[in-house]
Amino acid sequence: MSADQLRDELDRLLVDYLEAIELYQQARHRLESHLKSASLGFFDLARAKLALGPANVGPARYDLTEHASHKVVRITPNEAAKEQEDTTANAPSWRFALADRPDDEDAQEEATPVAAAAAADSDQLHPTLRHRARTTTSRSDTPPQQDTAVTNPAVASSPTEKQPPPRPSPLSQFAALPPPALRASATAFTQAVQIAVGIVDAEARVRECARRIKRVRKGIDRRREEEEEEAAAASAGESRN
């Protein structure tokens, strides 16, 4: 591209950069406003302690057993930025979002050791069964294709897939029926964490815009040097003539 085209692209990138900074500032402002109103969450927590008793709402009632988290921070590549070759796109290469942890991940984690144990049992049982099959075949002079008919019923019969049980609420460690004040306090703190993750995503967007602006500026400087060299070569040729 020519220097003029690169300058036009730089102007578009600067506009996108200003928009990304504005979105980042808005996210910071939302977090500050939410933290100022976070006193309501602590007030609801105090109300829950009053309703359930101070001994029932505190570290003494924490369930220290290993449980899967309800929320996870998803860091995923931005496919739109990869597919779009235009550098004016201000989407970051990575996206950050707070999402619910799917239940099927728990089923996969629980099924992994069970599948490994079943495979080990299958490896131990198959040689004995095949030896019996070969012995039976040699005695009855049956064709060798019948060896594959002997299988392990316990391994062959696949159990029906069971849906994983719903993940228990973290509030149930304090009470079987959490009061509304405790639920409201948990919602307020969850929203604060979600806004914080949104700030990280907005900051990644700003950094991506700055990186692309730096790359275009390098292209402009390189193109300017090439034009100066071409002009110097042209002037030298004219002076010789």
Foldseek 3Di string as FASTA:
>chain_A
DALVVLVVLLVLLVVLLVVLVVLLVVLVVVLVVLVVVLVLLVVLVVVLCVVQPVCLPDPVLADPDDDDDQKDKDKDADVVVVVDPRLSDLAFRIAIAIDTDDQVVVVVVVVVVVVVVLVVVQVVPVVVLLVVLVVVCVVVVDDPVCSVVDDDPVNPDDDDDDRDDDGDDSCVSRPVDRDPSNVVSVVSVVVSVRSVRVSVSSVSSSVSSVVSSVVSVVVSVVSVVVVVVVVVVVVVVVVVD
